[in-house]
N, C-alpha and C. Protein backbone atom coordinates (compact mmCIF):
# COMPACT_ATOMS: atom_id res chain seq x y z
N MET A 1 0.99 6.55 -7.07
CA MET A 1 1.70 6.33 -5.83
C MET A 1 0.88 5.43 -4.90
N LEU A 2 -0.39 5.79 -4.70
CA LEU A 2 -1.25 4.96 -3.85
C LEU A 2 -1.45 3.58 -4.44
N GLU A 3 -1.48 3.49 -5.77
CA GLU A 3 -1.63 2.17 -6.41
C GLU A 3 -0.44 1.27 -6.08
N ALA A 4 0.76 1.82 -6.11
CA ALA A 4 1.96 1.04 -5.78
C ALA A 4 1.93 0.61 -4.32
N LEU A 5 1.52 1.51 -3.44
CA LEU A 5 1.42 1.17 -2.02
C LEU A 5 0.31 0.15 -1.76
N ALA A 6 -0.77 0.24 -2.52
CA ALA A 6 -1.87 -0.73 -2.37
C ALA A 6 -1.42 -2.11 -2.81
N GLU A 7 -0.70 -2.20 -3.90
CA GLU A 7 -0.18 -3.49 -4.36
C GLU A 7 0.79 -4.07 -3.35
N ASP A 8 1.63 -3.22 -2.77
CA ASP A 8 2.57 -3.70 -1.75
C ASP A 8 1.81 -4.20 -0.52
N TYR A 9 0.75 -3.51 -0.12
CA TYR A 9 -0.06 -3.95 1.01
C TYR A 9 -0.67 -5.32 0.74
N ARG A 10 -1.14 -5.51 -0.47
CA ARG A 10 -1.77 -6.78 -0.83
C ARG A 10 -0.76 -7.93 -0.73
N VAL A 11 0.48 -7.68 -1.11
CA VAL A 11 1.52 -8.71 -1.09
C VAL A 11 2.15 -8.83 0.29
N ASN A 12 2.41 -7.70 0.95
CA ASN A 12 3.08 -7.66 2.25
C ASN A 12 2.31 -6.77 3.22
N PRO A 13 1.18 -7.22 3.74
CA PRO A 13 0.34 -6.33 4.56
C PRO A 13 1.00 -5.84 5.84
N GLY A 14 1.98 -6.53 6.36
CA GLY A 14 2.59 -6.13 7.62
C GLY A 14 3.87 -5.34 7.46
N LEU A 15 4.32 -5.08 6.24
CA LEU A 15 5.61 -4.43 6.03
C LEU A 15 5.46 -3.06 5.38
N TYR A 16 6.39 -2.19 5.71
CA TYR A 16 6.48 -0.89 5.04
C TYR A 16 7.22 -1.07 3.71
N MET A 17 7.02 -0.15 2.81
CA MET A 17 7.68 -0.18 1.51
C MET A 17 8.89 0.75 1.58
N THR A 18 10.04 0.28 1.12
CA THR A 18 11.24 1.12 1.17
C THR A 18 11.18 2.17 0.07
N ARG A 19 11.98 3.18 0.25
CA ARG A 19 12.09 4.26 -0.72
C ARG A 19 12.51 3.70 -2.09
N GLU A 20 13.48 2.82 -2.09
CA GLU A 20 13.98 2.25 -3.33
C GLU A 20 12.91 1.41 -4.04
N GLU A 21 12.15 0.64 -3.30
CA GLU A 21 11.06 -0.14 -3.90
C GLU A 21 10.02 0.77 -4.54
N LEU A 22 9.69 1.83 -3.84
CA LEU A 22 8.69 2.77 -4.35
C LEU A 22 9.19 3.48 -5.60
N GLN A 23 10.45 3.86 -5.61
CA GLN A 23 11.02 4.50 -6.79
C GLN A 23 11.05 3.52 -7.97
N GLU A 24 11.35 2.27 -7.70
CA GLU A 24 11.37 1.27 -8.77
C GLU A 24 9.97 1.09 -9.37
N ASP A 25 8.96 1.07 -8.51
CA ASP A 25 7.59 0.86 -8.99
C ASP A 25 7.00 2.08 -9.69
N THR A 26 7.37 3.28 -9.25
CA THR A 26 6.77 4.49 -9.81
C THR A 26 7.65 5.20 -10.82
N GLY A 27 8.96 5.00 -10.75
CA GLY A 27 9.87 5.68 -11.67
C GLY A 27 10.12 7.13 -11.31
N LEU A 28 9.78 7.54 -10.10
CA LEU A 28 9.95 8.94 -9.68
C LEU A 28 11.36 9.20 -9.16
N ASP A 29 11.84 10.42 -9.37
CA ASP A 29 13.14 10.80 -8.82
C ASP A 29 12.96 11.17 -7.34
N ASP A 30 14.07 11.39 -6.64
CA ASP A 30 14.03 11.64 -5.19
C ASP A 30 13.16 12.84 -4.82
N GLU A 31 13.33 13.94 -5.51
CA GLU A 31 12.59 15.17 -5.17
C GLU A 31 11.09 15.00 -5.39
N THR A 32 10.71 14.43 -6.52
CA THR A 32 9.28 14.23 -6.82
C THR A 32 8.67 13.24 -5.84
N LEU A 33 9.42 12.20 -5.50
CA LEU A 33 8.94 11.20 -4.55
C LEU A 33 8.68 11.84 -3.19
N ASP A 34 9.62 12.66 -2.72
CA ASP A 34 9.44 13.33 -1.43
C ASP A 34 8.23 14.25 -1.43
N GLU A 35 8.05 14.99 -2.52
CA GLU A 35 6.89 15.89 -2.62
C GLU A 35 5.58 15.11 -2.60
N ALA A 36 5.52 14.04 -3.38
CA ALA A 36 4.29 13.24 -3.45
C ALA A 36 3.98 12.59 -2.11
N LEU A 37 4.98 12.01 -1.47
CA LEU A 37 4.75 11.36 -0.17
C LEU A 37 4.38 12.38 0.90
N GLY A 38 5.00 13.55 0.88
CA GLY A 38 4.65 14.61 1.83
C GLY A 38 3.22 15.07 1.66
N TYR A 39 2.80 15.22 0.41
CA TYR A 39 1.42 15.61 0.12
C TYR A 39 0.44 14.55 0.64
N LEU A 40 0.73 13.28 0.34
CA LEU A 40 -0.16 12.20 0.78
C LEU A 40 -0.19 12.07 2.30
N GLU A 41 0.95 12.33 2.94
CA GLU A 41 1.00 12.30 4.40
C GLU A 41 0.12 13.41 4.97
N GLY A 42 0.17 14.57 4.38
CA GLY A 42 -0.66 15.70 4.81
C GLY A 42 -2.14 15.42 4.69
N LYS A 43 -2.52 14.62 3.72
CA LYS A 43 -3.92 14.22 3.52
C LYS A 43 -4.31 13.03 4.39
N GLY A 44 -3.35 12.44 5.12
CA GLY A 44 -3.63 11.29 5.98
C GLY A 44 -3.75 9.98 5.22
N LEU A 45 -3.19 9.93 4.03
CA LEU A 45 -3.31 8.73 3.20
C LEU A 45 -2.10 7.79 3.30
N VAL A 46 -0.98 8.28 3.85
CA VAL A 46 0.20 7.43 4.06
C VAL A 46 0.83 7.76 5.40
N LYS A 47 1.56 6.79 5.93
CA LYS A 47 2.40 6.97 7.11
C LYS A 47 3.84 6.86 6.64
N LEU A 48 4.69 7.73 7.14
CA LEU A 48 6.09 7.75 6.72
C LEU A 48 7.01 7.54 7.91
N TYR A 49 8.13 6.90 7.65
CA TYR A 49 9.19 6.75 8.64
C TYR A 49 10.41 7.48 8.09
N ARG A 50 10.88 8.45 8.87
CA ARG A 50 12.04 9.24 8.44
C ARG A 50 13.25 8.87 9.28
N MET A 51 14.39 8.88 8.63
CA MET A 51 15.64 8.64 9.32
C MET A 51 16.56 9.82 8.98
N ARG A 52 16.89 10.62 10.01
CA ARG A 52 17.69 11.83 9.82
C ARG A 52 17.08 12.77 8.79
N GLY A 53 15.77 12.89 8.84
CA GLY A 53 15.06 13.81 7.98
C GLY A 53 14.75 13.31 6.58
N VAL A 54 15.22 12.12 6.25
CA VAL A 54 14.98 11.55 4.92
C VAL A 54 13.92 10.47 5.02
N ILE A 55 12.93 10.52 4.15
CA ILE A 55 11.89 9.49 4.13
C ILE A 55 12.53 8.17 3.71
N ARG A 56 12.42 7.17 4.57
CA ARG A 56 13.01 5.86 4.27
C ARG A 56 11.94 4.79 3.99
N LEU A 57 10.82 4.85 4.72
CA LEU A 57 9.78 3.84 4.59
C LEU A 57 8.42 4.50 4.47
N SER A 58 7.50 3.85 3.76
CA SER A 58 6.14 4.39 3.64
C SER A 58 5.14 3.25 3.63
N LYS A 59 3.94 3.58 4.07
CA LYS A 59 2.85 2.61 4.14
C LYS A 59 1.54 3.36 3.96
N ALA A 60 0.66 2.83 3.15
CA ALA A 60 -0.66 3.45 2.98
C ALA A 60 -1.48 3.24 4.25
N THR A 61 -2.22 4.27 4.66
CA THR A 61 -3.15 4.12 5.77
C THR A 61 -4.40 3.41 5.24
N TYR A 62 -5.30 3.06 6.12
CA TYR A 62 -6.54 2.43 5.66
C TYR A 62 -7.33 3.37 4.74
N GLU A 63 -7.29 4.66 5.04
CA GLU A 63 -7.96 5.62 4.17
C GLU A 63 -7.31 5.63 2.79
N GLY A 64 -5.99 5.57 2.76
CA GLY A 64 -5.27 5.53 1.49
C GLY A 64 -5.58 4.27 0.70
N LEU A 65 -5.67 3.15 1.41
CA LEU A 65 -6.01 1.89 0.75
C LEU A 65 -7.41 1.94 0.16
N LYS A 66 -8.36 2.52 0.91
CA LYS A 66 -9.73 2.64 0.41
C LYS A 66 -9.79 3.51 -0.84
N LYS A 67 -8.97 4.56 -0.86
CA LYS A 67 -8.97 5.47 -1.99
C LYS A 67 -8.34 4.82 -3.23
N ALA A 68 -7.36 3.95 -3.02
CA ALA A 68 -6.65 3.33 -4.14
C ALA A 68 -7.45 2.23 -4.82
N LYS A 69 -8.04 1.34 -4.05
CA LYS A 69 -8.74 0.17 -4.60
C LYS A 69 -9.94 -0.19 -3.72
N PRO A 70 -10.92 -0.93 -4.27
CA PRO A 70 -12.04 -1.39 -3.44
C PRO A 70 -11.56 -2.48 -2.47
N GLN A 71 -12.31 -2.67 -1.41
CA GLN A 71 -11.93 -3.62 -0.37
C GLN A 71 -11.71 -5.04 -0.90
N GLU A 72 -12.49 -5.44 -1.88
CA GLU A 72 -12.38 -6.79 -2.43
C GLU A 72 -10.99 -7.06 -3.02
N TYR A 73 -10.32 -6.02 -3.46
CA TYR A 73 -8.99 -6.17 -4.04
C TYR A 73 -7.99 -6.76 -3.04
N TYR A 74 -8.16 -6.44 -1.77
CA TYR A 74 -7.22 -6.84 -0.74
C TYR A 74 -7.53 -8.21 -0.13
N VAL A 75 -8.67 -8.78 -0.45
CA VAL A 75 -9.06 -10.07 0.12
C VAL A 75 -8.38 -11.19 -0.65
N TRP A 76 -7.70 -12.03 0.08
CA TRP A 76 -7.08 -13.21 -0.52
C TRP A 76 -7.62 -14.43 0.20
N LEU A 77 -8.08 -15.38 -0.55
CA LEU A 77 -8.61 -16.61 0.01
C LEU A 77 -7.88 -17.80 -0.61
N PRO A 78 -7.54 -18.79 0.19
CA PRO A 78 -6.88 -19.97 -0.37
C PRO A 78 -7.83 -20.74 -1.29
N ARG A 79 -7.26 -21.57 -2.14
CA ARG A 79 -8.04 -22.32 -3.13
C ARG A 79 -9.14 -23.17 -2.48
N TRP A 80 -8.84 -23.78 -1.33
CA TRP A 80 -9.84 -24.66 -0.72
C TRP A 80 -11.09 -23.88 -0.30
N VAL A 81 -10.94 -22.61 0.00
CA VAL A 81 -12.11 -21.79 0.33
C VAL A 81 -12.94 -21.57 -0.92
N GLU A 82 -12.27 -21.26 -2.02
CA GLU A 82 -12.98 -21.06 -3.29
C GLU A 82 -13.75 -22.31 -3.69
N GLU A 83 -13.13 -23.47 -3.51
CA GLU A 83 -13.76 -24.73 -3.90
C GLU A 83 -14.99 -25.05 -3.04
N ASN A 84 -14.98 -24.62 -1.79
CA ASN A 84 -16.08 -24.94 -0.86
C ASN A 84 -16.95 -23.73 -0.54
N ARG A 85 -16.89 -22.73 -1.37
CA ARG A 85 -17.61 -21.49 -1.09
C ARG A 85 -19.12 -21.70 -0.98
N ASP A 86 -19.69 -22.57 -1.81
CA ASP A 86 -21.14 -22.81 -1.74
C ASP A 86 -21.54 -23.50 -0.45
N LYS A 87 -20.70 -24.40 0.01
CA LYS A 87 -21.00 -25.13 1.25
C LYS A 87 -20.86 -24.25 2.49
N TYR A 88 -19.80 -23.42 2.49
CA TYR A 88 -19.50 -22.62 3.67
C TYR A 88 -19.29 -21.17 3.27
N PRO A 89 -20.38 -20.44 3.03
CA PRO A 89 -20.21 -19.04 2.61
C PRO A 89 -19.64 -18.19 3.76
N ILE A 90 -18.68 -17.35 3.40
CA ILE A 90 -18.08 -16.47 4.42
C ILE A 90 -18.39 -15.01 4.14
N PHE A 91 -18.92 -14.71 2.95
CA PHE A 91 -19.27 -13.32 2.65
C PHE A 91 -20.73 -13.19 2.37
């Protein structure tokens, strides 16, 4: 679950993941998805948006992202930075 949310963060860092997208990525049914997201929310690893009591959107917190993958996974640099990395180190 956190892996799917981490991948979504890497691709769309400013957007929440819809319930349908998460089900497509994980293959979980509605009940299992709700249980897993509720558990992760209780641990502070995800933020949830509910509409009329139903979880509609989810997003990994920074703690959840750290638990899913190392920080380097989320860093994206354009090609020109890679080409000039020796001249202008940023890390």
